[in-house]
Each structure stands twice: as C-alpha cells, then as structure tokens.
Protein backbone atom coordinates (compact mmCIF):
# COMPACT_ATOMS: atom_id res chain seq x y z
CA UNK A 1 -5.43 -5.48 -1.26
CA UNK A 2 -4.03 -4.57 2.05
CA UNK A 3 -5.23 -2.97 4.49
CA UNK A 4 -3.84 -2.49 8.12
CA UNK A 5 -3.58 -6.24 9.26
CA UNK A 6 -5.64 -7.33 6.81
CA UNK A 7 -5.05 -9.34 3.24
CA UNK A 8 -7.95 -9.12 0.80
CA UNK A 9 -7.65 -11.66 -2.34
CA UNK A 10 -10.12 -12.26 -5.19
CA UNK A 11 -10.05 -15.42 -7.06
CA UNK A 12 -9.70 -17.74 -4.62
CA UNK A 13 -11.54 -21.50 -4.58
CA UNK A 14 -15.02 -20.87 -3.71
CA UNK A 15 -16.54 -23.03 -0.79
CA UNK A 16 -19.87 -24.94 -1.08
CA UNK A 17 -22.33 -26.94 0.89
CA UNK A 18 -21.39 -25.97 4.17
CA UNK A 19 -22.82 -27.86 7.07
CA UNK A 20 -21.82 -27.40 10.31
CA UNK A 21 -22.01 -30.02 13.22
CA UNK A 22 -21.03 -28.80 16.77
CA UNK A 23 -17.79 -27.50 16.20
CA UNK A 24 -16.72 -28.97 12.86
CA UNK A 25 -17.28 -27.82 9.41
CA UNK A 26 -17.81 -30.44 6.40
CA UNK A 27 -16.51 -28.63 3.73
CA UNK A 28 -16.64 -29.39 -0.06
CA UNK A 29 -14.42 -27.31 -2.37
CA UNK A 30 -15.56 -26.50 -5.69
CA UNK A 31 -12.88 -26.02 -8.57
CA UNK A 32 -13.23 -22.86 -9.62
CA UNK A 33 -11.93 -19.44 -8.48
CA UNK A 34 -14.80 -17.66 -7.89
CA UNK A 35 -14.49 -16.65 -4.21
CA UNK A 36 -12.89 -13.52 -2.19
CA UNK A 37 -10.39 -14.58 0.62
CA UNK A 38 -9.55 -12.57 3.91
CA UNK A 39 -6.51 -13.27 5.69
CA UNK A 40 -3.78 -12.24 7.77
CA UNK A 41 -1.27 -9.79 6.24
CA UNK A 42 2.51 -11.17 6.11
CA UNK A 43 4.25 -9.54 8.71
CA UNK A 44 7.31 -6.53 7.53
CA UNK A 45 10.32 -8.21 6.63
CA UNK A 46 12.59 -6.96 9.80
CA UNK A 47 14.69 -9.69 11.10
CA UNK A 48 17.21 -11.60 9.17
CA UNK A 49 15.26 -14.70 8.92
CA UNK A 50 11.53 -14.19 9.76
CA UNK A 51 10.54 -16.96 9.53
CA UNK A 52 12.67 -18.51 12.55
CA UNK A 53 11.26 -15.70 14.73
CA UNK A 54 10.61 -17.72 17.74
CA UNK A 55 8.55 -15.13 19.65
CA UNK A 56 6.33 -15.04 16.57
CA UNK A 57 5.85 -18.53 15.33
CA UNK A 58 7.41 -21.71 16.96
CA UNK A 59 9.06 -24.68 14.97
CA UNK A 60 6.26 -26.58 16.13
CA UNK A 61 3.03 -24.65 15.23
CA UNK A 62 4.40 -23.85 11.84
CA UNK A 63 1.89 -26.62 10.52
CA UNK A 64 -0.89 -25.94 12.82
CA UNK A 65 -4.04 -24.06 11.80
CA UNK A 66 -3.87 -21.34 13.79
CA UNK A 67 -4.57 -18.05 11.46
CA UNK A 68 -8.17 -17.32 11.11
CA UNK A 69 -9.37 -16.90 7.32
CA UNK A 70 -12.87 -15.61 6.07
CA UNK A 71 -14.00 -17.06 2.92
CA UNK A 72 -16.53 -15.41 0.57
CA UNK A 73 -18.12 -17.01 -2.22
CA UNK A 74 -21.29 -17.02 -4.24
CA UNK A 75 -23.67 -19.95 -3.76
CA UNK A 76 -24.49 -21.62 -7.05
CA UNK A 77 -27.75 -22.96 -5.97
CA UNK A 78 -29.17 -19.95 -4.10
CA UNK A 79 -27.27 -17.20 -5.97
CA UNK A 80 -26.42 -15.71 -2.61
CA UNK A 81 -23.18 -14.36 -1.53
CA UNK A 82 -21.94 -16.35 1.86
CA UNK A 83 -19.49 -15.95 3.93
CA UNK A 84 -17.27 -19.22 5.99
CA UNK A 85 -14.71 -18.70 8.64
CA UNK A 86 -12.02 -21.48 9.32
CA UNK A 87 -8.75 -21.87 10.81
CA UNK A 88 -5.48 -22.26 8.23
CA UNK A 89 -2.12 -22.68 8.25
CA UNK A 90 -0.26 -19.65 7.95
CA UNK A 91 0.91 -19.26 4.27
CA UNK A 92 4.03 -17.56 2.75
CA UNK A 93 3.51 -15.19 0.38
CA UNK A 94 5.24 -13.65 -2.19
CA UNK A 95 4.70 -10.45 -4.02
CA UNK A 96 5.79 -8.95 -7.35
CA UNK A 97 4.99 -5.53 -5.68
CA UNK A 98 2.58 -3.45 -4.11
CA UNK A 99 1.12 0.22 -5.37
CA UNK A 100 -0.01 2.34 -2.65
CA UNK A 101 -3.82 3.95 -3.21
CA UNK A 102 -4.38 5.61 0.00
CA UNK A 103 -1.79 6.63 2.72
CA UNK A 104 -3.41 7.16 5.93
CA UNK A 105 -0.05 9.04 7.57
CA UNK A 106 -0.84 7.79 10.99
CA UNK A 107 1.97 9.04 13.62
CA UNK A 108 2.89 12.07 10.87
CA UNK A 109 1.33 14.50 12.76
CA UNK A 110 -0.93 15.88 10.13
CA UNK A 111 -4.31 15.60 11.95
CA UNK A 112 -4.89 17.89 14.94
CA UNK A 113 -7.19 15.40 16.59
CA UNK A 114 -4.57 12.44 16.35
CA UNK A 115 -1.34 14.36 17.58
CA UNK A 116 -1.25 14.19 21.52
CA UNK A 117 -2.65 10.67 20.83
CA UNK A 118 -0.14 9.54 18.78
CA UNK A 119 2.91 10.95 21.40
CA UNK A 120 1.21 9.11 23.73
CA UNK A 121 1.29 6.00 21.87
CA UNK A 122 5.05 6.37 21.40
CA UNK A 123 5.47 6.80 25.01
CA UNK A 124 3.61 3.72 25.94
CA UNK A 125 5.40 1.68 23.24
CA UNK A 126 9.01 3.10 24.33
CA UNK A 127 8.14 2.02 28.06
CA UNK A 128 6.43 -1.38 26.99
CA UNK A 129 9.57 -2.35 25.06
CA UNK A 130 11.88 -1.35 28.05
CA UNK A 131 9.72 -3.35 30.09
CA UNK A 132 10.03 -6.45 28.50
CA UNK A 133 13.21 -8.54 28.23
CA UNK A 134 13.48 -12.36 27.12
CA UNK A 135 14.08 -14.77 29.43
CA UNK A 136 16.32 -17.71 28.23
CA UNK A 137 15.02 -19.90 31.23
CA UNK A 138 11.53 -19.74 29.93
CA UNK A 139 9.86 -21.28 26.95
CA UNK A 140 9.02 -20.00 23.95
CA UNK A 141 5.40 -20.03 24.63
CA UNK A 142 5.77 -18.19 27.97
CA UNK A 143 7.94 -15.56 26.24
CA UNK A 144 5.44 -14.76 24.15
CA UNK A 145 2.58 -14.58 26.32
CA UNK A 146 4.74 -12.01 28.09
CA UNK A 147 5.33 -10.42 25.20
CA UNK A 148 1.22 -10.28 24.00
CA UNK A 149 0.63 -9.19 27.60
CA UNK A 150 2.99 -6.12 27.29
CA UNK A 151 1.88 -5.33 24.12
CA UNK A 152 -1.60 -5.45 25.31
CA UNK A 153 -1.45 -2.04 26.62
CA UNK A 154 -0.46 -0.28 23.36
CA UNK A 155 -2.62 -1.99 20.90
CA UNK A 156 -5.42 -0.80 23.40
CA UNK A 157 -4.63 2.51 22.77
CA UNK A 158 -3.92 2.65 19.09
CA UNK A 159 -7.68 1.01 19.06
CA UNK A 160 -9.33 4.00 21.50
CA UNK A 161 -7.70 6.58 18.93
CA UNK A 162 -7.96 5.16 15.45
CA UNK A 163 -11.32 2.92 16.08
CA UNK A 164 -13.44 4.91 14.38
CA UNK A 165 -11.19 5.75 11.09
CA UNK A 166 -10.63 1.98 11.10
CA UNK A 167 -14.43 1.69 11.45
CA UNK A 168 -14.94 3.90 8.26
CA UNK A 169 -13.16 1.56 6.26
CA UNK A 170 -14.06 -1.95 7.45
CA UNK A 171 -17.84 -0.52 7.01
CA UNK A 172 -17.29 0.19 3.49
CA UNK A 173 -15.40 -2.61 2.58
CA UNK A 174 -17.88 -5.20 4.34
CA UNK A 175 -20.50 -3.66 1.94
CA UNK A 176 -18.80 -3.69 -1.03
CA UNK A 177 -17.53 -7.39 -0.58
CA UNK A 178 -20.90 -8.79 0.13
CA UNK A 179 -22.51 -6.42 -2.56
CA UNK A 180 -23.33 -9.12 -5.36
CA UNK A 181 -22.21 -6.18 -7.66
CA UNK A 182 -18.99 -6.82 -6.87
CA UNK A 183 -17.06 -9.37 -9.05
CA UNK A 184 -14.94 -11.95 -7.15
CA UNK A 185 -13.60 -14.40 -9.92
CA UNK A 186 -10.33 -14.07 -11.14
CA UNK A 187 -9.62 -12.63 -14.39
CA UNK A 188 -6.40 -11.10 -16.03
CA UNK A 189 -8.49 -8.65 -18.25
CA UNK A 190 -11.31 -7.37 -16.14
CA UNK A 191 -10.95 -8.10 -12.62
CA UNK A 192 -7.11 -8.93 -11.70
CA UNK A 193 -5.69 -7.34 -8.40
CA UNK A 194 -5.77 -3.82 -9.85
CA UNK A 195 -9.63 -4.13 -11.14
CA UNK A 196 -10.64 -5.72 -7.93
CA UNK A 197 -9.03 -3.00 -5.48
CA UNK A 198 -11.06 -0.54 -7.56
CA UNK A 199 -14.31 -2.27 -6.81
CA UNK A 200 -14.01 -2.30 -3.46
CA UNK A 201 -12.66 1.52 -3.16
CA UNK A 202 -15.45 2.29 -5.38
CA UNK A 203 -17.82 5.34 -3.45
CA UNK A 204 -15.32 5.50 -0.81
CA UNK A 205 -14.91 9.17 -0.17
CA UNK A 206 -11.01 8.98 -1.05
CA UNK A 207 -11.26 10.56 -4.77
CA UNK A 208 -9.37 13.77 -3.78
CA UNK A 209 -5.61 14.19 -2.97
CA UNK A 210 -6.30 15.52 0.83
CA UNK A 211 -9.15 14.25 2.78
CA UNK A 212 -12.47 16.50 2.56
CA UNK A 213 -13.11 18.80 6.05
CA UNK A 214 -16.47 20.22 7.57
CA UNK A 215 -17.60 23.78 6.38
CA UNK A 216 -16.62 25.13 9.79
CA UNK A 217 -13.03 23.45 10.39
CA UNK A 218 -11.18 26.62 10.42
CA UNK A 219 -13.86 28.57 12.49
CA UNK A 220 -14.16 25.75 15.33
CA UNK A 221 -11.35 24.44 17.14
CA UNK A 222 -13.41 21.40 18.50
CA UNK A 223 -14.35 20.29 14.85
CA UNK A 224 -10.58 19.79 14.45
CA UNK A 225 -10.10 18.12 17.45
CA UNK A 226 -13.30 15.62 17.23
CA UNK A 227 -12.50 12.08 17.26
CA UNK A 228 -15.15 11.06 14.83
CA UNK A 229 -15.74 12.13 11.32
CA UNK A 230 -18.14 11.02 8.89
CA UNK A 231 -15.51 10.60 6.13
CA UNK A 232 -12.05 9.34 6.18
CA UNK A 233 -8.85 11.60 7.42
CA UNK A 234 -6.33 10.22 5.12
CA UNK A 235 -3.07 12.11 4.49
CA UNK A 236 -2.64 11.48 0.48
CA UNK A 237 -4.61 9.72 -2.04
CA UNK A 238 -3.03 8.64 -4.99
CA UNK A 239 -6.41 7.51 -7.01
CA UNK A 240 -7.46 3.75 -7.87
CA UNK A 241 -5.53 3.68 -11.15
CA UNK A 242 -2.29 2.89 -12.17
CA UNK A 243 -2.41 5.02 -15.63
CA UNK A 244 -3.57 8.52 -15.30
CA UNK A 245 -7.00 9.35 -16.83
CA UNK A 246 -7.45 9.31 -20.52
CA UNK A 247 -8.92 12.96 -20.68
CA UNK A 248 -5.28 14.01 -19.72
CA UNK A 249 -3.96 12.31 -22.80
CA UNK A 250 -0.71 11.90 -21.04
CA UNK A 251 0.20 8.92 -19.48
CA UNK A 252 3.15 9.12 -16.65
CA UNK A 253 5.69 7.34 -18.31
CA UNK A 254 8.53 8.62 -15.61
CA UNK A 255 6.77 6.42 -13.44
CA UNK A 256 8.24 3.53 -12.15
CA UNK A 257 5.02 1.98 -11.59
CA UNK A 258 3.71 2.73 -14.64
CA UNK A 259 6.98 0.87 -16.84
CA UNK A 260 6.56 -1.91 -14.54
CA UNK A 261 2.89 -2.57 -15.17
CA UNK A 262 3.17 -1.87 -18.61
CA UNK A 263 6.23 -4.40 -19.40
CA UNK A 264 7.19 -7.77 -19.15
CA UNK A 265 7.92 -8.18 -15.17
CA UNK A 266 7.30 -12.29 -14.90
CA UNK A 267 11.18 -12.85 -14.35
CA UNK A 268 11.49 -10.17 -11.65
CA UNK A 269 9.48 -8.16 -8.80
CA UNK A 270 9.35 -4.27 -8.62
CA UNK A 271 12.85 -3.76 -6.93
CA UNK A 272 14.61 -5.90 -9.08
CA UNK A 273 12.92 -3.95 -11.79
CA UNK A 274 14.24 -0.68 -10.03
CA UNK A 275 17.42 -1.82 -9.72
CA UNK A 276 17.81 -1.89 -13.63
CA UNK A 277 18.20 1.44 -14.05
CA UNK A 278 21.45 1.86 -12.41
CA UNK A 279 23.13 -0.95 -14.53
CA UNK A 280 22.02 -0.66 -17.93
CA UNK A 281 20.57 1.93 -20.31
CA UNK A 282 16.63 2.19 -19.79
CA UNK A 283 14.12 4.27 -22.28
CA UNK A 284 12.03 5.71 -19.47
CA UNK A 285 13.73 9.04 -17.36
CA UNK A 286 12.73 7.45 -14.19
CA UNK A 287 14.65 8.66 -10.97
CA UNK A 288 12.56 7.08 -8.17
CA UNK A 289 14.65 4.31 -8.25
CA UNK A 290 17.44 6.22 -6.67
CA UNK A 291 15.50 6.12 -3.03
CA UNK A 292 16.68 1.99 -3.05
CA UNK A 293 20.63 2.97 -3.50
CA UNK A 294 23.18 3.21 -0.79
CA UNK A 295 25.10 6.27 -0.06
CA UNK A 296 28.20 5.19 -1.45
CA UNK A 297 26.40 4.18 -4.72
CA UNK A 298 26.40 5.57 -8.00
CA UNK A 299 28.45 9.32 -7.18
CA UNK A 300 28.77 10.30 -10.47
CA UNK A 301 26.94 10.98 -13.31
CA UNK A 302 26.70 8.38 -16.57
CA UNK A 303 25.58 9.71 -19.65
CA UNK A 304 25.30 6.06 -21.33
CA UNK A 305 22.43 4.91 -18.74
CA UNK A 306 21.26 8.53 -17.82
CA UNK A 307 22.22 8.05 -14.41
CA UNK A 308 22.20 10.64 -11.94
CA UNK A 309 22.26 11.27 -7.97
CA UNK A 310 19.53 12.84 -6.29
CA UNK A 311 19.39 14.13 -3.10
CA UNK A 312 17.24 11.76 -1.08
CA UNK A 313 14.63 14.62 -0.20
CA UNK A 314 14.53 15.05 -4.43
CA UNK A 315 14.14 11.53 -4.44
CA UNK A 316 11.76 10.58 -2.33
CA UNK A 317 9.38 13.58 -3.60
CA UNK A 318 9.76 12.78 -7.26
CA UNK A 319 6.53 11.01 -7.72
CA UNK A 320 5.22 10.53 -4.21
CA UNK A 321 3.33 7.30 -5.37
CA UNK A 322 5.97 5.79 -6.59
CA UNK A 323 8.31 6.29 -3.60
CA UNK A 324 5.91 4.75 -0.96
CA UNK A 325 4.83 1.58 -2.80
CA UNK A 326 8.63 0.71 -3.23
CA UNK A 327 9.48 1.49 0.09
CA UNK A 328 6.17 -0.46 1.02
CA UNK A 329 7.17 -3.49 -1.31
CA UNK A 330 10.95 -3.12 0.10
CA UNK A 331 9.13 -3.79 3.81
CA UNK A 332 7.50 -6.92 2.91
CA UNK A 333 10.89 -8.24 0.74
CA UNK A 334 12.72 -11.02 2.59
CA UNK A 335 16.25 -11.09 3.27
CA UNK A 336 16.88 -14.03 0.86
CA UNK A 337 15.65 -11.58 -2.20
CA UNK A 338 18.25 -8.57 -1.36
CA UNK A 339 21.93 -9.24 -2.76
CA UNK A 340 24.84 -6.32 -2.81
CA UNK A 341 26.52 -4.60 -5.88
CA UNK A 342 28.17 -8.08 -6.37
CA UNK A 343 25.42 -10.06 -6.12
CA UNK A 344 26.24 -11.88 -3.05
CA UNK A 345 23.90 -12.45 -0.44
CA UNK A 346 23.47 -9.62 2.40
CA UNK A 347 25.69 -9.69 5.60
CA UNK A 348 23.65 -9.60 8.65
CA UNK A 349 25.27 -5.93 8.87
CA UNK A 350 24.23 -5.12 5.66
CA UNK A 351 20.88 -5.87 5.99
CA UNK A 352 20.04 -4.05 9.56
CA UNK A 353 21.64 -1.09 7.24
CA UNK A 354 19.23 -1.94 4.91
CA UNK A 355 16.29 -1.86 7.04
CA UNK A 356 17.16 1.35 8.99
CA UNK A 357 17.28 3.32 5.99
CA UNK A 358 14.07 2.10 4.62
CA UNK A 359 12.49 2.91 8.05
CA UNK A 360 14.36 6.63 7.70
CA UNK A 361 12.87 7.12 4.15
CA UNK A 362 9.29 6.15 5.57
CA UNK A 363 10.13 8.76 8.20
CA UNK A 364 11.51 11.51 5.86
CA UNK A 365 8.37 10.59 3.56
CA UNK A 366 5.66 11.07 6.38
CA UNK A 367 7.34 14.41 7.43
CA UNK A 368 7.17 15.69 3.46
CA UNK A 369 3.62 14.93 3.08
CA UNK A 370 2.61 16.24 7.03
CA UNK A 371 4.15 19.40 6.40
CA UNK A 372 2.67 19.94 2.91
CA UNK A 373 -0.83 19.21 4.32
CA UNK A 374 -0.17 21.08 7.31
CA UNK A 375 0.99 23.93 4.59
CA UNK A 376 -2.19 23.90 2.54
CA UNK A 377 -4.57 24.00 5.44
CA UNK A 378 -2.86 27.10 6.83
CA UNK A 379 -2.92 28.82 3.85
CA UNK A 380 -6.37 27.96 3.62
CA UNK A 381 -7.39 29.37 7.06
CA UNK A 382 -6.22 32.42 5.98
CA UNK A 383 -8.98 32.92 3.17
CA UNK A 384 -11.85 31.13 5.26
CA UNK A 385 -14.25 33.76 3.13
CA UNK A 386 -13.49 32.51 0.08
CA UNK A 387 -13.39 28.58 0.86
CA UNK A 388 -16.44 27.66 -0.56
CA UNK A 389 -14.07 28.35 -4.38
CA UNK A 390 -11.45 25.94 -3.09
CA UNK A 391 -10.95 23.41 -5.90
CA UNK A 392 -10.26 19.98 -4.10
CA UNK A 393 -7.34 18.57 -6.38
CA UNK A 394 -8.78 14.76 -7.43
CA UNK A 395 -6.32 11.93 -6.76
CA UNK A 396 -6.39 10.34 -9.89
CA UNK A 397 -4.85 13.60 -11.85
CA UNK A 398 -2.67 14.86 -9.08
CA UNK A 399 -1.91 11.10 -7.70
CA UNK A 400 0.95 10.53 -10.33
CA UNK A 401 2.27 14.44 -10.79
CA UNK A 402 6.14 14.52 -11.28
CA UNK A 403 7.64 17.06 -8.93
CA UNK A 404 8.63 18.92 -12.02
CA UNK A 405 5.19 18.89 -13.75
CA UNK A 406 2.66 21.69 -13.24
CA UNK A 407 -1.10 21.14 -13.81
CA UNK A 408 -2.56 24.30 -15.83
CA UNK A 409 -6.60 24.38 -15.46
CA UNK A 410 -9.19 26.83 -17.14
CA UNK A 411 -12.48 25.97 -15.12
CA UNK A 412 -14.70 28.31 -16.86
CA UNK A 413 -13.82 25.85 -19.88
CA UNK A 414 -13.45 23.13 -18.07
CA UNK A 415 -10.01 22.21 -19.90
CA UNK A 416 -6.96 20.94 -18.04
CA UNK A 417 -3.43 19.64 -19.32
CA UNK A 418 -0.12 19.13 -17.76
CA UNK A 419 2.83 21.17 -18.60
CA UNK A 420 6.95 19.03 -17.98
CA UNK A 421 5.73 15.76 -19.25
CA UNK A 422 7.15 13.63 -21.68
CA UNK A 423 6.25 14.27 -25.34
CA UNK A 424 6.75 10.28 -26.51
CA UNK A 425 4.22 9.02 -24.47
CA UNK A 426 2.33 8.14 -27.33
CA UNK A 427 4.62 5.76 -28.83
CA UNK A 428 4.99 3.86 -25.46
CA UNK A 429 1.39 3.66 -25.31
CA UNK A 430 1.12 2.76 -28.82
CA UNK A 431 3.37 0.13 -28.92
CA UNK A 432 1.72 -1.66 -25.36
CA UNK A 433 -1.68 -1.76 -27.44
CA UNK A 434 -0.20 -3.31 -30.21
CA UNK A 435 1.58 -5.70 -28.05
CA UNK A 436 -1.66 -6.20 -26.16
CA UNK A 437 -3.65 -7.29 -29.48
CA UNK A 438 -1.13 -9.57 -30.70
CA UNK A 439 -0.46 -11.48 -27.55
CA UNK A 440 0.91 -14.73 -28.61
CA UNK A 441 -1.24 -17.66 -27.57
CA UNK A 442 0.05 -21.08 -27.07
CA UNK A 443 -1.67 -24.00 -28.89
CA UNK A 444 -3.15 -26.67 -26.49
CA UNK A 445 -1.76 -29.87 -27.21
C-alpha cells in the first residue's frame, strides 16, 4: 500500500533474535515471509533516465545503505509483534499496476480550510524553483545540499497545512499494523496486496464516497475553515475492494482494472493491458484506456475492435477510479517501458510530451472531482433543515460506477440496484470462478 512517500508491504522476511550493541544491530533473518516492511516509495518517473538524476542519487551512493526501512514481524518465542529499523540500499521496484483507494484531492481546492494555504505553497514552490540554479562548478553533493535548503521552506509549509490530516492516517495505520489481528504473512488467496490494504483501511472513516462533515458545517463558517477535524477530509473514496459488493449482483465489467485483475496478466502491466484495447478486439466494452492515447491516435471508429474516440473529459470521467489508477500507474512507469505505435523507444521529445500530457490529465481530473464535491456541498447547504435525511453514498457502491449508470434505491424496503450495467456479467464471473477452481497445479519433481 502506498501512502504519501511511504510504501507498506506484507510478506517480507521477518527479523528475529535482534541484539543491539552500541549503534550496531546483529540480525538473524528467518526464512518465512511473515513480516511487513515500511520503506520509501519510489519517486515518480519524470526524468528520461530517473536513476541518473544526480541531484537525487549520485553514482557512488547507489550501493550505500542510506534509506531507512522499518520491519515489523511476529516474534516466534514471545508471540509479540516487534519493530526494527535499519538503513538499507535503495531498491528498484517494478509494479504491475496500482489501484487508487482514496483520492485526497490536495491542491484541488475542494476544502475551504486548505485553499489559501495551497495557494501559498504554490507561490513558495515557484519562488524556490526560480531561486535555485544548478552550479556546474560545484560538486553534486554541494548542489544537492543547496536544493534541499531551498526546498525546506516548501516542505515546512506543506507540513504545517496538511500535518494534522496526515497524522490521522498515520495513527490509524500504526494501530492497524501493530495489532495481531492484522496478518502480515503473504498469501495469494487470503492475504495478497489487496487483502492487506483492506485490513489496513478497516475501521478508517473512509467508507463514504465523500468525506463526512460536522452537523454545524453549513451554519458555522469557522467550522469550514477549521484546521483539525476528527476524521479525514479526502475528496473521493473508491472502496477497499476491486469488485463491487455481491449484494448488487453485478460486477463492473466495464472497469479496465476489474478485467486486468480477473484475467491472466503475468506477461504485462496495467498500461500494456490497456493498450491491447486499441490493437485487437476485446470482449469488455472498456473505454477508460483512451486516456492513454495521443491526440493523433485513433481518429475514426473501428467496428471490429469497438474502438471509438472520446473527448478527454469523457474518457477521464468514464470510471473515475480507473482513471486515477491508470494515471497513477503511468506516473510511476519508467521511460524504458514505453514505446510508440511502431514499438520503438520514445525519443526525449516524445517522453516529455508523454509526461506533460499525464500531468495535464491529472490536473483536469482534480478539477472535475473538486467541482463535483463543491456542487454537492453547495446544494446541501441550500436545504440545511433536511440535512439529517441526507444519504451518504457508500464508496463500495458508487466508487466503481460508470458515467452512464444510475443507482436506483428504495430506502423503505432496503433495495438498491444499478441501471445501465452490462447484462452478461454472470458469464464472465462464472468463467472466472471455474478457472480458479480448475487451476492447473504443476506437479513437484
């Protein structure tokens, strides 16, 4: 699970028999993958060759133990969950894909309490960027120190504005991962990365599509601009599961993430899987993949492959969870994994164009989400006397909706169903269940 600059993983080798002597640790590593690891999240892939960005990692420091890591494991003797911190070598990670669970919406303007502070941070960042210049006559280490010195003020303002919000999440994750009720051992069927993330999010107040707000939110201006709330102020929550609740009886087969998760995908990542929709006929009518296309790609409809060209806004808003997940995956994807329509590596100009288009789409998506939240809050503020009857839409139900679908609810009888969803979902689901039950097992030699 990724949270801000942190990466939390389960199923890593546990550490036992820890002994300390002055500042050195004697560590014996057990052979079971039963622990959890908290480390630095990989940087977004913005440079053409990110590992050669000297300001972030000099050549002579690549093999040095400079990254702090925290290992959590269950002691076999005492049964107590323990924690151990070490310095490790920065490891390169390759992700098949990422699925967004919570969209915080920072710098989208959706929360009154953060709007002025976000503008100050942006101004401070621009000033710091303009004042910093790389000096060729100085060493890499000296330029790095200057860069950190210029960025200290920006980081301080971010911490001052969002510190209380981040503290809510960190405190919850610390309690969850330290509890023995949260399993750390990795298991493909019962505790893979999705199950582990669900356990960490359990009992965190993010179960509704939009964040909750105090009762006197619309009557008291000071409450709107209050810096600290007892619950997080996120912009959108998409639920902890990839599939929709079984009570709805219709999984979201239009979701590219749902198809990627349920189909064999060992030979490609999420972006490569999405690009298949423009090269060959695919049974699922998924259209979110079109956010990956350049403006000069696919201008005409192709009935054979069900390809159609959507506007950028329509493609971004088709299934919001898919959109932000694909963009997030693309942001972490290195230059070496990208290619043009003819299968050749991207040129420097094409790579810059790719990154700028991705950042532009992220900005548009943030504006769309912020506008939706602001409109809903404005409408609720017009009818405050009926606010107690307001139904908070659940993230599990509404987090995977397609823009063409509607949820019809009958609160008196407790019935809810979706209109506009694909009708052949059960064929896919039955096939998926049969494939899982008849999964071939390779005999031991």
